[in-house]
Amino acid sequence: MAEKNMFKNLISPIQAWLLSQGRCVGCGEELSKGQRKVVRGQTTVTCRCGRIFIHNHQTDTYRRALFNEI
């Protein structure tokens, strides 16, 4: 279990940095190139690798979508 937490501690800052740059946490592709769709009043962005993100237009930031938001 400790190895799992150590792995998460190493990966989390990298994923946060990629999201702050507007890039996918899986493949590094720019999320501005992703497929956009409005779902329940929120803009979802689907990357070419299949990961789904929520785009906040006010702050121009992205975050991973939760299962109940898809």
Protein backbone atom coordinates (compact mmCIF):
# COMPACT_ATOMS: atom_id res chain seq x y z
CA MET A 1 0.00 0.00 0.00
CA ALA A 2 2.87 2.37 0.71
CA GLU A 3 4.15 1.94 -2.85
CA LYS A 4 0.78 3.03 -4.22
CA ASN A 5 0.80 6.23 -2.14
CA MET A 6 4.39 6.94 -3.12
CA PHE A 7 3.48 6.54 -6.79
CA LYS A 8 0.51 8.92 -6.40
CA ASN A 9 2.75 11.45 -4.64
CA LEU A 10 5.11 11.40 -7.62
CA ILE A 11 2.45 11.57 -10.33
CA SER A 12 0.02 14.12 -8.82
CA PRO A 13 2.26 17.20 -9.27
CA ILE A 14 2.99 16.23 -12.87
CA GLN A 15 -0.71 15.81 -13.63
CA ALA A 16 -1.51 19.15 -11.97
CA TRP A 17 1.18 20.86 -14.04
CA LEU A 18 -0.14 19.31 -17.27
CA LEU A 19 -3.69 20.47 -16.47
CA SER A 20 -2.44 23.98 -15.67
CA GLN A 21 -0.85 24.02 -19.14
CA GLY A 22 -4.16 22.89 -20.71
CA ARG A 23 -2.82 19.44 -21.61
CA CYS A 24 -4.18 15.92 -21.11
CA VAL A 25 -2.76 14.04 -18.12
CA GLY A 26 -2.61 10.83 -20.13
CA CYS A 27 -1.11 11.67 -23.50
CA GLY A 28 -0.03 15.33 -23.20
CA GLU A 29 -2.20 16.48 -26.12
CA GLU A 30 -3.52 20.05 -25.97
CA LEU A 31 -7.08 19.96 -24.64
CA SER A 32 -8.04 22.84 -26.93
CA LYS A 33 -7.87 20.25 -29.76
CA GLY A 34 -10.28 17.89 -27.99
CA GLN A 35 -13.90 17.22 -28.88
CA ARG A 36 -16.22 19.57 -26.97
CA LYS A 37 -19.77 18.87 -25.85
CA VAL A 38 -22.11 20.66 -23.42
CA VAL A 39 -23.43 18.26 -20.76
CA ARG A 40 -25.71 19.53 -17.99
CA GLY A 41 -24.56 23.10 -18.53
CA GLN A 42 -20.84 22.25 -18.41
CA THR A 43 -18.43 21.95 -21.32
CA THR A 44 -16.82 18.53 -21.47
CA VAL A 45 -13.67 18.00 -23.50
CA THR A 46 -12.81 14.50 -24.67
CA CYS A 47 -9.16 13.96 -25.53
CA ARG A 48 -8.11 11.68 -28.38
CA CYS A 49 -6.95 9.14 -25.76
CA GLY A 50 -10.48 9.00 -24.31
CA ARG A 51 -10.03 10.91 -21.06
CA ILE A 52 -12.81 13.39 -20.30
CA PHE A 53 -12.27 16.82 -18.75
CA ILE A 54 -14.47 19.72 -17.63
CA HIS A 55 -13.53 23.15 -18.97
CA ASN A 56 -14.21 26.21 -16.82
CA HIS A 57 -14.68 29.14 -19.22
CA GLN A 58 -14.38 31.82 -16.53
CA THR A 59 -10.90 30.79 -15.38
CA ASP A 60 -9.94 28.95 -18.60
CA THR A 61 -8.89 25.86 -16.63
CA TYR A 62 -9.50 22.13 -16.97
CA ARG A 63 -10.10 19.32 -14.49
CA ARG A 64 -10.84 15.62 -14.77
CA ALA A 65 -14.55 14.86 -15.03
CA LEU A 66 -16.23 12.82 -12.33
CA PHE A 67 -18.28 9.76 -13.32
CA ASN A 68 -21.55 11.48 -12.42
CA GLU A 69 -20.69 14.45 -14.69
CA ILE A 70 -20.35 12.41 -17.85
